[in-house]
Amino acid sequence: MIKLENQIYADLILLVNKALQAFKVEGWKSCQFTQPVKFTETEPVIYVSIDKISKRGTQYSRDKKENGKLIHEEIFREEINVKIFAFRRNLVTDSLTTQTSNDVLKMIKSWLVSPDGLREIYSGGYSIYNPSEIKPLSFKNDSQNSSSLPSFNVTFIIEQSWNTSVEEISGYKLKMKGI
């Protein structure tokens, strides 16, 4: 069955949440980032954004016989380019042990390529390319305080397919009319 964009987002957010659980990170929420927003979040948030989904390689098909039916399966691979951002306001009350946006992204990135992360990724039907380096982005928020919104890119590959089936012909009768 083909996974739709919202299903892919749900899978990616689940991966991010499992990474946070692995490092016992609390107080961060994860959501999809599909349109420009004003960064007024008061709680720490991780945004998952799909930059593009593109077909990878050629589409191919295979036929098989199963339970008296002929099943035709169309198969193709898609490359999903994802950007993961982390946003947390810098607060006066921050201490040396406060997890910054950069720290949380390092944890997520490291978990994605760990054996546990790879197992989760493969179980969802995906494979992964190495994530990029974390890119810093600093800006001034509404109260003219400096904030950061670091991010990294990662590419996932998924094999998509769909089936059509036809009842198998059990017999035929030859009818000939005149020559």
C-alpha atoms as a PDB file:
ATOM      1  CA  MET A   1       0.000   0.000   0.000  1.00  0.00           C
ATOM      2  CA  ILE A   2       1.171   3.524  -0.694  1.00  0.00           C
ATOM      3  CA  LYS A   3       1.990   5.725   2.318  1.00  0.00           C
ATOM      4  CA  LEU A   4       0.540   9.211   1.955  1.00  0.00           C
ATOM      5  CA  GLU A   5       2.346  12.397   2.991  1.00  0.00           C
ATOM      6  CA  ASN A   6       0.551  12.667   6.348  1.00  0.00           C
ATOM      7  CA  GLN A   7       1.393   9.022   7.110  1.00  0.00           C
ATOM      8  CA  ILE A   8       5.047   9.747   6.323  1.00  0.00           C
ATOM      9  CA  TYR A   9       4.943  12.791   8.635  1.00  0.00           C
ATOM     10  CA  ALA A  10       3.443  10.633  11.397  1.00  0.00           C
ATOM     11  CA  ASP A  11       6.236   8.061  10.937  1.00  0.00           C
ATOM     12  CA  LEU A  12       8.939  10.753  11.073  1.00  0.00           C
ATOM     13  CA  ILE A  13       7.485  12.408  14.178  1.00  0.00           C
ATOM     14  CA  LEU A  14       7.293   8.982  15.839  1.00  0.00           C
ATOM     15  CA  LEU A  15      11.016   8.480  15.104  1.00  0.00           C
ATOM     16  CA  VAL A  16      11.844  11.879  16.636  1.00  0.00           C
ATOM     17  CA  ASN A  17       9.785  11.056  19.739  1.00  0.00           C
ATOM     18  CA  LYS A  18      11.512   7.673  20.128  1.00  0.00           C
ATOM     19  CA  ALA A  19      14.893   9.427  19.909  1.00  0.00           C
ATOM     20  CA  LEU A  20      13.832  11.833  22.668  1.00  0.00           C
ATOM     21  CA  GLN A  21      12.636   8.903  24.810  1.00  0.00           C
ATOM     22  CA  ALA A  22      15.947   7.094  24.316  1.00  0.00           C
ATOM     23  CA  PHE A  23      17.804  10.083  25.797  1.00  0.00           C
ATOM     24  CA  LYS A  24      15.090  10.751  28.419  1.00  0.00           C
ATOM     25  CA  VAL A  25      14.503  14.268  27.047  1.00  0.00           C
ATOM     26  CA  GLU A  26      11.327  15.780  28.463  1.00  0.00           C
ATOM     27  CA  GLY A  27       9.352  18.944  27.791  1.00  0.00           C
ATOM     28  CA  TRP A  28       9.784  19.010  24.009  1.00  0.00           C
ATOM     29  CA  LYS A  29       6.910  18.573  21.572  1.00  0.00           C
ATOM     30  CA  SER A  30       7.242  17.445  17.951  1.00  0.00           C
ATOM     31  CA  CYS A  31       5.122  18.582  15.037  1.00  0.00           C
ATOM     32  CA  GLN A  32       5.136  18.919  11.272  1.00  0.00           C
ATOM     33  CA  PHE A  33       6.384  22.152   9.784  1.00  0.00           C
ATOM     34  CA  THR A  34       4.545  22.640   6.518  1.00  0.00           C
ATOM     35  CA  GLN A  35       4.210  26.376   6.217  1.00  0.00           C
ATOM     36  CA  PRO A  36       5.993  29.555   7.315  1.00  0.00           C
ATOM     37  CA  VAL A  37       5.246  30.363  10.945  1.00  0.00           C
ATOM     38  CA  LYS A  38       6.051  33.110  13.385  1.00  0.00           C
ATOM     39  CA  PHE A  39       8.287  31.673  16.087  1.00  0.00           C
ATOM     40  CA  THR A  40       6.312  32.576  19.164  1.00  0.00           C
ATOM     41  CA  GLU A  41       6.377  29.127  20.771  1.00  0.00           C
ATOM     42  CA  THR A  42       6.788  29.304  24.522  1.00  0.00           C
ATOM     43  CA  GLU A  43       7.683  25.642  24.962  1.00  0.00           C
ATOM     44  CA  PRO A  44      10.534  23.819  23.245  1.00  0.00           C
ATOM     45  CA  VAL A  45       9.473  22.315  19.909  1.00  0.00           C
ATOM     46  CA  ILE A  46      10.974  20.142  17.188  1.00  0.00           C
ATOM     47  CA  TYR A  47       9.721  20.802  13.679  1.00  0.00           C
ATOM     48  CA  VAL A  48       9.837  18.093  11.014  1.00  0.00           C
ATOM     49  CA  SER A  49       9.648  19.396   7.459  1.00  0.00           C
ATOM     50  CA  ILE A  50       9.559  17.392   4.226  1.00  0.00           C
ATOM     51  CA  ASP A  51      11.478  19.433   1.644  1.00  0.00           C
ATOM     52  CA  LYS A  52      10.556  17.152  -1.231  1.00  0.00           C
ATOM     53  CA  ILE A  53       9.473  13.656  -2.141  1.00  0.00           C
ATOM     54  CA  SER A  54      10.882  12.467  -5.441  1.00  0.00           C
ATOM     55  CA  LYS A  55      10.834   9.242  -7.378  1.00  0.00           C
ATOM     56  CA  ARG A  56      14.106   7.354  -7.237  1.00  0.00           C
ATOM     57  CA  GLY A  57      15.041   5.009 -10.042  1.00  0.00           C
ATOM     58  CA  THR A  58      12.600   3.277 -12.334  1.00  0.00           C
ATOM     59  CA  GLN A  59       9.233   1.816 -11.567  1.00  0.00           C
ATOM     60  CA  TYR A  60       8.976  -1.922 -12.094  1.00  0.00           C
ATOM     61  CA  SER A  61       6.348  -4.602 -11.703  1.00  0.00           C
ATOM     62  CA  ARG A  62       6.015  -8.268 -10.902  1.00  0.00           C
ATOM     63  CA  ASP A  63       3.246 -10.803 -11.282  1.00  0.00           C
ATOM     64  CA  LYS A  64       2.504 -13.740  -9.030  1.00  0.00           C
ATOM     65  CA  LYS A  65      -0.172 -16.369  -8.618  1.00  0.00           C
ATOM     66  CA  GLU A  66      -1.773 -16.632  -5.181  1.00  0.00           C
ATOM     67  CA  ASN A  67      -4.953 -18.409  -4.014  1.00  0.00           C
ATOM     68  CA  GLY A  68      -6.387 -18.737  -7.490  1.00  0.00           C
ATOM     69  CA  LYS A  69      -5.735 -15.093  -8.398  1.00  0.00           C
ATOM     70  CA  LEU A  70      -3.187 -13.409 -10.601  1.00  0.00           C
ATOM     71  CA  ILE A  71      -1.702 -10.474  -8.692  1.00  0.00           C
ATOM     72  CA  HIS A  72       0.052  -7.645 -10.499  1.00  0.00           C
ATOM     73  CA  GLU A  73       2.225  -5.457  -8.243  1.00  0.00           C
ATOM     74  CA  GLU A  74       3.674  -2.065  -9.260  1.00  0.00           C
ATOM     75  CA  ILE A  75       6.737  -1.044  -7.226  1.00  0.00           C
ATOM     76  CA  PHE A  76       8.690   2.220  -7.041  1.00  0.00           C
ATOM     77  CA  ARG A  77      11.076   3.895  -4.618  1.00  0.00           C
ATOM     78  CA  GLU A  78      10.753   7.410  -3.273  1.00  0.00           C
ATOM     79  CA  GLU A  79      13.420   9.632  -1.787  1.00  0.00           C
ATOM     80  CA  ILE A  80      12.137  11.804   1.057  1.00  0.00           C
ATOM     81  CA  ASN A  81      14.314  14.831   1.874  1.00  0.00           C
ATOM     82  CA  VAL A  82      13.598  15.941   5.430  1.00  0.00           C
ATOM     83  CA  LYS A  83      14.760  18.887   7.512  1.00  0.00           C
ATOM     84  CA  ILE A  84      14.517  18.682  11.300  1.00  0.00           C
ATOM     85  CA  PHE A  85      14.583  21.945  13.309  1.00  0.00           C
ATOM     86  CA  ALA A  86      14.676  22.481  17.065  1.00  0.00           C
ATOM     87  CA  PHE A  87      13.470  25.697  18.703  1.00  0.00           C
ATOM     88  CA  ARG A  88      13.770  26.695  22.332  1.00  0.00           C
ATOM     89  CA  ARG A  89      13.770  30.215  23.674  1.00  0.00           C
ATOM     90  CA  ASN A  90      16.875  31.217  25.567  1.00  0.00           C
ATOM     91  CA  LEU A  91      15.815  32.083  29.102  1.00  0.00           C
ATOM     92  CA  VAL A  92      17.508  34.003  31.877  1.00  0.00           C
ATOM     93  CA  THR A  93      16.900  31.025  34.165  1.00  0.00           C
ATOM     94  CA  ASP A  94      18.911  28.630  31.930  1.00  0.00           C
ATOM     95  CA  SER A  95      21.670  26.757  33.713  1.00  0.00           C
ATOM     96  CA  LEU A  96      24.701  24.783  32.588  1.00  0.00           C
ATOM     97  CA  THR A  97      22.553  21.627  32.464  1.00  0.00           C
ATOM     98  CA  THR A  98      19.778  23.141  30.324  1.00  0.00           C
ATOM     99  CA  GLN A  99      19.400  21.274  27.036  1.00  0.00           C
ATOM    100  CA  THR A 100      19.681  23.658  24.114  1.00  0.00           C
ATOM    101  CA  SER A 101      18.157  23.208  20.662  1.00  0.00           C
ATOM    102  CA  ASN A 102      21.558  22.162  19.383  1.00  0.00           C
ATOM    103  CA  ASP A 103      21.936  19.521  22.141  1.00  0.00           C
ATOM    104  CA  VAL A 104      18.552  17.966  21.349  1.00  0.00           C
ATOM    105  CA  LEU A 105      19.306  17.817  17.611  1.00  0.00           C
ATOM    106  CA  LYS A 106      22.631  16.088  18.335  1.00  0.00           C
ATOM    107  CA  MET A 107      20.734  13.455  20.325  1.00  0.00           C
ATOM    108  CA  ILE A 108      18.139  12.890  17.585  1.00  0.00           C
ATOM    109  CA  LYS A 109      20.793  12.700  14.867  1.00  0.00           C
ATOM    110  CA  SER A 110      22.900  10.282  16.877  1.00  0.00           C
ATOM    111  CA  TRP A 111      19.901   8.036  17.657  1.00  0.00           C
ATOM    112  CA  LEU A 112      18.808   7.868  13.995  1.00  0.00           C
ATOM    113  CA  VAL A 113      22.086   6.180  12.997  1.00  0.00           C
ATOM    114  CA  SER A 114      22.335   3.973  16.103  1.00  0.00           C
ATOM    115  CA  PRO A 115      21.405   0.265  15.921  1.00  0.00           C
ATOM    116  CA  ASP A 116      18.111   0.961  17.776  1.00  0.00           C
ATOM    117  CA  GLY A 117      17.285   3.870  15.476  1.00  0.00           C
ATOM    118  CA  LEU A 118      18.095   1.912  12.332  1.00  0.00           C
ATOM    119  CA  ARG A 119      15.951  -0.987  13.563  1.00  0.00           C
ATOM    120  CA  GLU A 120      12.989   1.397  14.012  1.00  0.00           C
ATOM    121  CA  ILE A 121      13.580   3.018  10.619  1.00  0.00           C
ATOM    122  CA  TYR A 122      13.762  -0.352   8.822  1.00  0.00           C
ATOM    123  CA  SER A 123      10.668  -1.666  10.634  1.00  0.00           C
ATOM    124  CA  GLY A 124       8.689   1.271   9.208  1.00  0.00           C
ATOM    125  CA  GLY A 125       9.700   0.317   5.675  1.00  0.00           C
ATOM    126  CA  TYR A 126      12.340   3.038   5.301  1.00  0.00           C
ATOM    127  CA  SER A 127      16.070   3.180   4.841  1.00  0.00           C
ATOM    128  CA  ILE A 128      18.255   6.219   5.611  1.00  0.00           C
ATOM    129  CA  TYR A 129      21.218   8.179   4.282  1.00  0.00           C
ATOM    130  CA  ASN A 130      23.627   9.749   6.759  1.00  0.00           C
ATOM    131  CA  PRO A 131      22.195  12.956   8.247  1.00  0.00           C
ATOM    132  CA  SER A 132      23.965  16.222   7.394  1.00  0.00           C
ATOM    133  CA  GLU A 133      25.849  18.403   9.863  1.00  0.00           C
ATOM    134  CA  ILE A 134      23.763  20.553  12.192  1.00  0.00           C
ATOM    135  CA  LYS A 135      23.446  24.052  10.746  1.00  0.00           C
ATOM    136  CA  PRO A 136      23.032  26.931  13.186  1.00  0.00           C
ATOM    137  CA  LEU A 137      20.528  29.718  12.516  1.00  0.00           C
ATOM    138  CA  SER A 138      20.236  32.654  14.897  1.00  0.00           C
ATOM    139  CA  PHE A 139      17.627  35.398  14.853  1.00  0.00           C
ATOM    140  CA  LYS A 140      16.074  38.071  17.084  1.00  0.00           C
ATOM    141  CA  ASN A 141      12.653  37.196  18.439  1.00  0.00           C
ATOM    142  CA  ASP A 142       9.761  39.609  19.146  1.00  0.00           C
ATOM    143  CA  SER A 143      11.261  40.754  22.423  1.00  0.00           C
ATOM    144  CA  GLN A 144      14.602  41.423  20.672  1.00  0.00           C
ATOM    145  CA  ASN A 145      16.270  38.503  22.399  1.00  0.00           C
ATOM    146  CA  SER A 146      18.588  36.270  20.474  1.00  0.00           C
ATOM    147  CA  SER A 147      17.202  32.811  19.670  1.00  0.00           C
ATOM    148  CA  SER A 148      18.499  29.926  17.645  1.00  0.00           C
ATOM    149  CA  LEU A 149      16.830  27.506  15.264  1.00  0.00           C
ATOM    150  CA  PRO A 150      19.450  24.892  14.303  1.00  0.00           C
ATOM    151  CA  SER A 151      18.575  22.160  11.806  1.00  0.00           C
ATOM    152  CA  PHE A 152      19.925  19.175   9.925  1.00  0.00           C
ATOM    153  CA  ASN A 153      18.880  17.394   6.734  1.00  0.00           C
ATOM    154  CA  VAL A 154      18.346  13.685   6.352  1.00  0.00           C
ATOM    155  CA  THR A 155      17.139  11.577   3.440  1.00  0.00           C
ATOM    156  CA  PHE A 156      14.909   8.538   3.792  1.00  0.00           C
ATOM    157  CA  ILE A 157      14.117   5.998   1.068  1.00  0.00           C
ATOM    158  CA  ILE A 158      10.844   4.091   1.013  1.00  0.00           C
ATOM    159  CA  GLU A 159       9.665   1.415  -1.366  1.00  0.00           C
ATOM    160  CA  GLN A 160       6.025   1.980  -2.301  1.00  0.00           C
ATOM    161  CA  SER A 161       3.764  -0.476  -4.121  1.00  0.00           C
ATOM    162  CA  TRP A 162       0.189  -1.229  -5.029  1.00  0.00           C
ATOM    163  CA  ASN A 163      -1.572  -4.369  -6.241  1.00  0.00           C
ATOM    164  CA  THR A 164      -4.297  -5.264  -8.682  1.00  0.00           C
ATOM    165  CA  SER A 165      -5.681  -8.771  -8.955  1.00  0.00           C
ATOM    166  CA  VAL A 166      -7.675 -10.767 -11.481  1.00  0.00           C
ATOM    167  CA  GLU A 167      -9.435 -14.078 -10.937  1.00  0.00           C
ATOM    168  CA  GLU A 168      -7.583 -16.938 -12.547  1.00  0.00           C
ATOM    169  CA  ILE A 169      -9.283 -18.578 -15.529  1.00  0.00           C
ATOM    170  CA  SER A 170     -10.144 -22.129 -14.560  1.00  0.00           C
ATOM    171  CA  GLY A 171     -10.929 -23.331 -18.042  1.00  0.00           C
ATOM    172  CA  TYR A 172     -12.057 -22.317 -21.468  1.00  0.00           C
ATOM    173  CA  LYS A 173     -14.199 -23.780 -24.170  1.00  0.00           C
ATOM    174  CA  LEU A 174     -13.208 -23.429 -27.790  1.00  0.00           C
ATOM    175  CA  LYS A 175     -16.075 -22.359 -30.055  1.00  0.00           C
ATOM    176  CA  MET A 176     -15.481 -22.444 -33.760  1.00  0.00           C
ATOM    177  CA  LYS A 177     -18.015 -21.202 -36.276  1.00  0.00           C
ATOM    178  CA  GLY A 178     -17.611 -21.937 -39.923  1.00  0.00           C
ATOM    179  CA  ILE A 179     -14.525 -21.506 -41.924  1.00  0.00           C
END
